[in-house]
Amino acid sequence: MRTCDLCGRQAEEGLTLTWMTSVENGRSRTYCEDCSRQHLRAIEGKLDSEWW
Protein backbone atom coordinates (compact mmCIF):
# COMPACT_ATOMS: atom_id res chain seq x y z
CA MET A 1 0.00 0.00 0.00
CA ARG A 2 1.37 3.41 -0.97
CA THR A 3 0.28 6.75 0.47
CA CYS A 4 0.51 10.17 -1.20
CA ASP A 5 2.72 12.39 0.96
CA LEU A 6 0.60 15.42 0.10
CA CYS A 7 -3.08 14.43 0.27
CA GLY A 8 -2.91 11.06 2.05
CA ARG A 9 -4.58 9.06 -0.76
CA GLN A 10 -3.77 5.35 -0.60
CA ALA A 11 -3.50 2.74 -3.35
CA GLU A 12 -2.11 -0.74 -3.90
CA GLU A 13 1.40 -0.97 -5.39
CA GLY A 14 0.15 -2.10 -8.82
CA LEU A 15 -2.21 0.88 -9.10
CA THR A 16 0.47 3.51 -8.48
CA LEU A 17 2.18 3.34 -11.89
CA THR A 18 1.05 6.90 -12.64
CA TRP A 19 2.27 8.25 -9.30
CA MET A 20 5.43 10.34 -9.06
CA THR A 21 8.37 10.04 -6.69
CA SER A 22 10.81 12.72 -5.65
CA VAL A 23 13.74 13.06 -3.27
CA GLU A 24 13.71 16.13 -1.03
CA ASN A 25 16.48 16.70 1.48
CA GLY A 26 17.48 13.05 1.19
CA ARG A 27 13.94 11.79 1.88
CA SER A 28 11.89 9.93 -0.74
CA ARG A 29 8.42 11.40 -1.30
CA THR A 30 5.51 9.93 -3.28
CA TYR A 31 2.68 11.90 -4.92
CA CYS A 32 -0.54 10.63 -6.50
CA GLU A 33 -1.40 11.62 -10.08
CA ASP A 34 -3.85 14.32 -8.93
CA CYS A 35 -1.31 16.06 -6.69
CA SER A 36 1.38 15.65 -9.34
CA ARG A 37 -0.78 17.37 -11.96
CA GLN A 38 -1.87 20.14 -9.60
CA HIS A 39 1.71 21.01 -8.57
CA LEU A 40 3.56 20.19 -11.81
CA ARG A 41 5.20 23.62 -12.26
CA ALA A 42 6.50 23.69 -8.69
CA ILE A 43 7.82 20.13 -9.07
CA GLU A 44 9.59 20.93 -12.35
CA GLY A 45 10.97 24.12 -10.78
CA LYS A 46 12.52 21.90 -8.06
CA LEU A 47 10.70 23.74 -5.28
CA ASP A 48 10.42 21.79 -2.03
CA SER A 49 6.87 20.63 -1.28
CA GLU A 50 6.68 22.99 1.71
CA TRP A 51 6.45 25.88 -0.82
CA TRP A 52 3.45 24.40 -2.67
PDB file of N, CA and C in Angstrom:
ATOM      1  N   MET A   1       0.858  -1.180   0.000  1.00  0.00           N
ATOM      2  CA  MET A   1       0.000   0.000   0.000  1.00  0.00           C
ATOM      3  C   MET A   1       0.906   1.247   0.000  1.00  0.00           C
ATOM      4  N   ARG A   2       0.640   2.143  -0.916  1.00  0.00           N
ATOM      5  CA  ARG A   2       1.372   3.413  -0.974  1.00  0.00           C
ATOM      6  C   ARG A   2       0.444   4.543  -0.562  1.00  0.00           C
ATOM      7  N   THR A   3       1.033   5.583   0.019  1.00  0.00           N
ATOM      8  CA  THR A   3       0.279   6.749   0.465  1.00  0.00           C
ATOM      9  C   THR A   3       0.887   8.005  -0.132  1.00  0.00           C
ATOM     10  N   CYS A   4       0.050   8.890  -0.668  1.00  0.00           N
ATOM     11  CA  CYS A   4       0.513  10.168  -1.202  1.00  0.00           C
ATOM     12  C   CYS A   4       0.972  11.027  -0.023  1.00  0.00           C
ATOM     13  N   ASP A   5       2.177  11.567  -0.123  1.00  0.00           N
ATOM     14  CA  ASP A   5       2.718  12.385   0.959  1.00  0.00           C
ATOM     15  C   ASP A   5       2.062  13.762   1.049  1.00  0.00           C
ATOM     16  N   LEU A   6       1.240  14.116   0.068  1.00  0.00           N
ATOM     17  CA  LEU A   6       0.601  15.425   0.102  1.00  0.00           C
ATOM     18  C   LEU A   6      -0.855  15.350   0.560  1.00  0.00           C
ATOM     19  N   CYS A   7      -1.646  14.477  -0.063  1.00  0.00           N
ATOM     20  CA  CYS A   7      -3.078  14.432   0.266  1.00  0.00           C
ATOM     21  C   CYS A   7      -3.483  13.231   1.114  1.00  0.00           C
ATOM     22  N   GLY A   8      -2.597  12.224   1.225  1.00  0.00           N
ATOM     23  CA  GLY A   8      -2.907  11.059   2.047  1.00  0.00           C
ATOM     24  C   GLY A   8      -3.647   9.944   1.325  1.00  0.00           C
ATOM     25  N   ARG A   9      -3.902  10.103   0.028  1.00  0.00           N
ATOM     26  CA  ARG A   9      -4.580   9.064  -0.757  1.00  0.00           C
ATOM     27  C   ARG A   9      -3.761   7.779  -0.721  1.00  0.00           C
ATOM     28  N   GLN A  10      -4.448   6.630  -0.651  1.00  0.00           N
ATOM     29  CA  GLN A  10      -3.765   5.348  -0.603  1.00  0.00           C
ATOM     30  C   GLN A  10      -4.177   4.485  -1.788  1.00  0.00           C
ATOM     31  N   ALA A  11      -3.228   3.656  -2.252  1.00  0.00           N
ATOM     32  CA  ALA A  11      -3.502   2.736  -3.346  1.00  0.00           C
ATOM     33  C   ALA A  11      -2.544   1.560  -3.261  1.00  0.00           C
ATOM     34  N   GLU A  12      -2.964   0.451  -3.845  1.00  0.00           N
ATOM     35  CA  GLU A  12      -2.114  -0.735  -3.902  1.00  0.00           C
ATOM     36  C   GLU A  12      -0.929  -0.458  -4.826  1.00  0.00           C
ATOM     37  N   GLU A  13       0.183  -1.151  -4.603  1.00  0.00           N
ATOM     38  CA  GLU A  13       1.401  -0.967  -5.394  1.00  0.00           C
ATOM     39  C   GLU A  13       1.152  -1.015  -6.899  1.00  0.00           C
ATOM     40  N   GLY A  14       0.389  -1.956  -7.387  1.00  0.00           N
ATOM     41  CA  GLY A  14       0.147  -2.098  -8.815  1.00  0.00           C
ATOM     42  C   GLY A  14      -0.655  -0.966  -9.424  1.00  0.00           C
ATOM     43  N   LEU A  15      -1.373  -0.217  -8.612  1.00  0.00           N
ATOM     44  CA  LEU A  15      -2.208   0.878  -9.096  1.00  0.00           C
ATOM     45  C   LEU A  15      -1.510   2.230  -9.024  1.00  0.00           C
ATOM     46  N   THR A  16      -0.241   2.239  -8.644  1.00  0.00           N
ATOM     47  CA  THR A  16       0.474   3.515  -8.483  1.00  0.00           C
ATOM     48  C   THR A  16       1.466   3.781  -9.614  1.00  0.00           C
ATOM     49  N   LEU A  17       1.262   3.150 -10.768  1.00  0.00           N
ATOM     50  CA  LEU A  17       2.177   3.342 -11.892  1.00  0.00           C
ATOM     51  C   LEU A  17       2.190   4.785 -12.390  1.00  0.00           C
ATOM     52  N   THR A  18       1.115   5.513 -12.192  1.00  0.00           N
ATOM     53  CA  THR A  18       1.045   6.903 -12.641  1.00  0.00           C
ATOM     54  C   THR A  18       1.453   7.889 -11.540  1.00  0.00           C
ATOM     55  N   TRP A  19       1.840   7.392 -10.393  1.00  0.00           N
ATOM     56  CA  TRP A  19       2.270   8.247  -9.298  1.00  0.00           C
ATOM     57  C   TRP A  19       3.705   8.700  -9.529  1.00  0.00           C
ATOM     58  N   MET A  20       4.101   9.779  -8.898  1.00  0.00           N
ATOM     59  CA  MET A  20       5.427  10.343  -9.059  1.00  0.00           C
ATOM     60  C   MET A  20       6.210  10.244  -7.752  1.00  0.00           C
ATOM     61  N   THR A  21       7.502  10.034  -7.873  1.00  0.00           N
ATOM     62  CA  THR A  21       8.367  10.041  -6.687  1.00  0.00           C
ATOM     63  C   THR A  21       9.394  11.155  -6.823  1.00  0.00           C
ATOM     64  N   SER A  22       9.858  11.622  -5.688  1.00  0.00           N
ATOM     65  CA  SER A  22      10.810  12.717  -5.648  1.00  0.00           C
ATOM     66  C   SER A  22      11.685  12.531  -4.410  1.00  0.00           C
ATOM     67  N   VAL A  23      12.869  13.088  -4.437  1.00  0.00           N
ATOM     68  CA  VAL A  23      13.744  13.057  -3.268  1.00  0.00           C
ATOM     69  C   VAL A  23      13.962  14.492  -2.821  1.00  0.00           C
ATOM     70  N   GLU A  24      13.572  14.792  -1.598  1.00  0.00           N
ATOM     71  CA  GLU A  24      13.711  16.134  -1.027  1.00  0.00           C
ATOM     72  C   GLU A  24      14.500  16.033   0.267  1.00  0.00           C
ATOM     73  N   ASN A  25      15.614  16.705   0.300  1.00  0.00           N
ATOM     74  CA  ASN A  25      16.480  16.700   1.482  1.00  0.00           C
ATOM     75  C   ASN A  25      16.833  15.275   1.906  1.00  0.00           C
ATOM     76  N   GLY A  26      17.090  14.419   0.908  1.00  0.00           N
ATOM     77  CA  GLY A  26      17.481  13.049   1.189  1.00  0.00           C
ATOM     78  C   GLY A  26      16.337  12.112   1.541  1.00  0.00           C
ATOM     79  N   ARG A  27      15.108  12.598   1.524  1.00  0.00           N
ATOM     80  CA  ARG A  27      13.938  11.788   1.880  1.00  0.00           C
ATOM     81  C   ARG A  27      13.095  11.536   0.640  1.00  0.00           C
ATOM     82  N   SER A  28      12.732  10.287   0.393  1.00  0.00           N
ATOM     83  CA  SER A  28      11.895   9.925  -0.743  1.00  0.00           C
ATOM     84  C   SER A  28      10.446  10.306  -0.460  1.00  0.00           C
ATOM     85  N   ARG A  29       9.808  10.978  -1.427  1.00  0.00           N
ATOM     86  CA  ARG A  29       8.418  11.397  -1.297  1.00  0.00           C
ATOM     87  C   ARG A  29       7.631  10.829  -2.469  1.00  0.00           C
ATOM     88  N   THR A  30       6.371  10.500  -2.256  1.00  0.00           N
ATOM     89  CA  THR A  30       5.506   9.926  -3.276  1.00  0.00           C
ATOM     90  C   THR A  30       4.263  10.789  -3.405  1.00  0.00           C
ATOM     91  N   TYR A  31       3.851  11.061  -4.663  1.00  0.00           N
ATOM     92  CA  TYR A  31       2.683  11.899  -4.919  1.00  0.00           C
ATOM     93  C   TYR A  31       1.745  11.204  -5.897  1.00  0.00           C
ATOM     94  N   CYS A  32       0.443  11.224  -5.605  1.00  0.00           N
ATOM     95  CA  CYS A  32      -0.540  10.631  -6.500  1.00  0.00           C
ATOM     96  C   CYS A  32      -0.635  11.459  -7.781  1.00  0.00           C
ATOM     97  N   GLU A  33      -1.327  10.913  -8.796  1.00  0.00           N
ATOM     98  CA  GLU A  33      -1.398  11.622 -10.075  1.00  0.00           C
ATOM     99  C   GLU A  33      -2.135  12.949  -9.963  1.00  0.00           C
ATOM    100  N   ASP A  34      -3.129  13.056  -9.086  1.00  0.00           N
ATOM    101  CA  ASP A  34      -3.853  14.317  -8.928  1.00  0.00           C
ATOM    102  C   ASP A  34      -2.960  15.406  -8.342  1.00  0.00           C
ATOM    103  N   CYS A  35      -2.214  15.083  -7.301  1.00  0.00           N
ATOM    104  CA  CYS A  35      -1.315  16.057  -6.689  1.00  0.00           C
ATOM    105  C   CYS A  35      -0.162  16.402  -7.633  1.00  0.00           C
ATOM    106  N   SER A  36       0.309  15.411  -8.376  1.00  0.00           N
ATOM    107  CA  SER A  36       1.381  15.647  -9.340  1.00  0.00           C
ATOM    108  C   SER A  36       0.942  16.642 -10.404  1.00  0.00           C
ATOM    109  N   ARG A  37      -0.260  16.454 -10.933  1.00  0.00           N
ATOM    110  CA  ARG A  37      -0.779  17.371 -11.961  1.00  0.00           C
ATOM    111  C   ARG A  37      -0.995  18.771 -11.401  1.00  0.00           C
ATOM    112  N   GLN A  38      -1.543  18.846 -10.202  1.00  0.00           N
ATOM    113  CA  GLN A  38      -1.866  20.136  -9.596  1.00  0.00           C
ATOM    114  C   GLN A  38      -0.608  20.956  -9.320  1.00  0.00           C
ATOM    115  N   HIS A  39       0.494  20.301  -8.976  1.00  0.00           N
ATOM    116  CA  HIS A  39       1.708  21.008  -8.575  1.00  0.00           C
ATOM    117  C   HIS A  39       2.862  20.806  -9.555  1.00  0.00           C
ATOM    118  N   LEU A  40       2.545  20.512 -10.821  1.00  0.00           N
ATOM    119  CA  LEU A  40       3.559  20.186 -11.811  1.00  0.00           C
ATOM    120  C   LEU A  40       4.612  21.280 -11.972  1.00  0.00           C
ATOM    121  N   ARG A  41       4.220  22.528 -12.064  1.00  0.00           N
ATOM    122  CA  ARG A  41       5.201  23.615 -12.259  1.00  0.00           C
ATOM    123  C   ARG A  41       6.145  23.745 -11.075  1.00  0.00           C
ATOM    124  N   ALA A  42       5.646  23.613  -9.877  1.00  0.00           N
ATOM    125  CA  ALA A  42       6.502  23.688  -8.690  1.00  0.00           C
ATOM    126  C   ALA A  42       7.458  22.502  -8.651  1.00  0.00           C
ATOM    127  N   ILE A  43       6.981  21.337  -9.051  1.00  0.00           N
ATOM    128  CA  ILE A  43       7.820  20.133  -9.068  1.00  0.00           C
ATOM    129  C   ILE A  43       8.934  20.306 -10.092  1.00  0.00           C
ATOM    130  N   GLU A  44       8.583  20.734 -11.313  1.00  0.00           N
ATOM    131  CA  GLU A  44       9.589  20.930 -12.350  1.00  0.00           C
ATOM    132  C   GLU A  44      10.559  22.038 -11.991  1.00  0.00           C
ATOM    133  N   GLY A  45      10.110  23.021 -11.217  1.00  0.00           N
ATOM    134  CA  GLY A  45      10.970  24.115 -10.775  1.00  0.00           C
ATOM    135  C   GLY A  45      11.841  23.727  -9.589  1.00  0.00           C
ATOM    136  N   LYS A  46      11.730  22.450  -9.168  1.00  0.00           N
ATOM    137  CA  LYS A  46      12.524  21.902  -8.063  1.00  0.00           C
ATOM    138  C   LYS A  46      12.268  22.605  -6.739  1.00  0.00           C
ATOM    139  N   LEU A  47      11.061  23.135  -6.550  1.00  0.00           N
ATOM    140  CA  LEU A  47      10.697  23.735  -5.277  1.00  0.00           C
ATOM    141  C   LEU A  47      10.346  22.631  -4.293  1.00  0.00           C
ATOM    142  N   ASP A  48      10.798  22.752  -3.055  1.00  0.00           N
ATOM    143  CA  ASP A  48      10.423  21.787  -2.026  1.00  0.00           C
ATOM    144  C   ASP A  48       8.915  21.838  -1.811  1.00  0.00           C
ATOM    145  N   SER A  49       8.323  20.712  -1.440  1.00  0.00           N
ATOM    146  CA  SER A  49       6.869  20.629  -1.284  1.00  0.00           C
ATOM    147  C   SER A  49       6.342  21.601  -0.220  1.00  0.00           C
ATOM    148  N   GLU A  50       7.164  22.028   0.696  1.00  0.00           N
ATOM    149  CA  GLU A  50       6.683  22.989   1.711  1.00  0.00           C
ATOM    150  C   GLU A  50       6.303  24.337   1.073  1.00  0.00           C
ATOM    151  N   TRP A  51       6.781  24.636  -0.128  1.00  0.00           N
ATOM    152  CA  TRP A  51       6.454  25.882  -0.823  1.00  0.00           C
ATOM    153  C   TRP A  51       5.187  25.777  -1.635  1.00  0.00           C
ATOM    154  N   TRP A  52       4.646  24.565  -1.863  1.00  0.00           N
ATOM    155  CA  TRP A  52       3.454  24.400  -2.674  1.00  0.00           C
ATOM    156  C   TRP A  52       2.268  24.890  -1.905  1.00  0.00           C
TER     157      TRP A  52
END
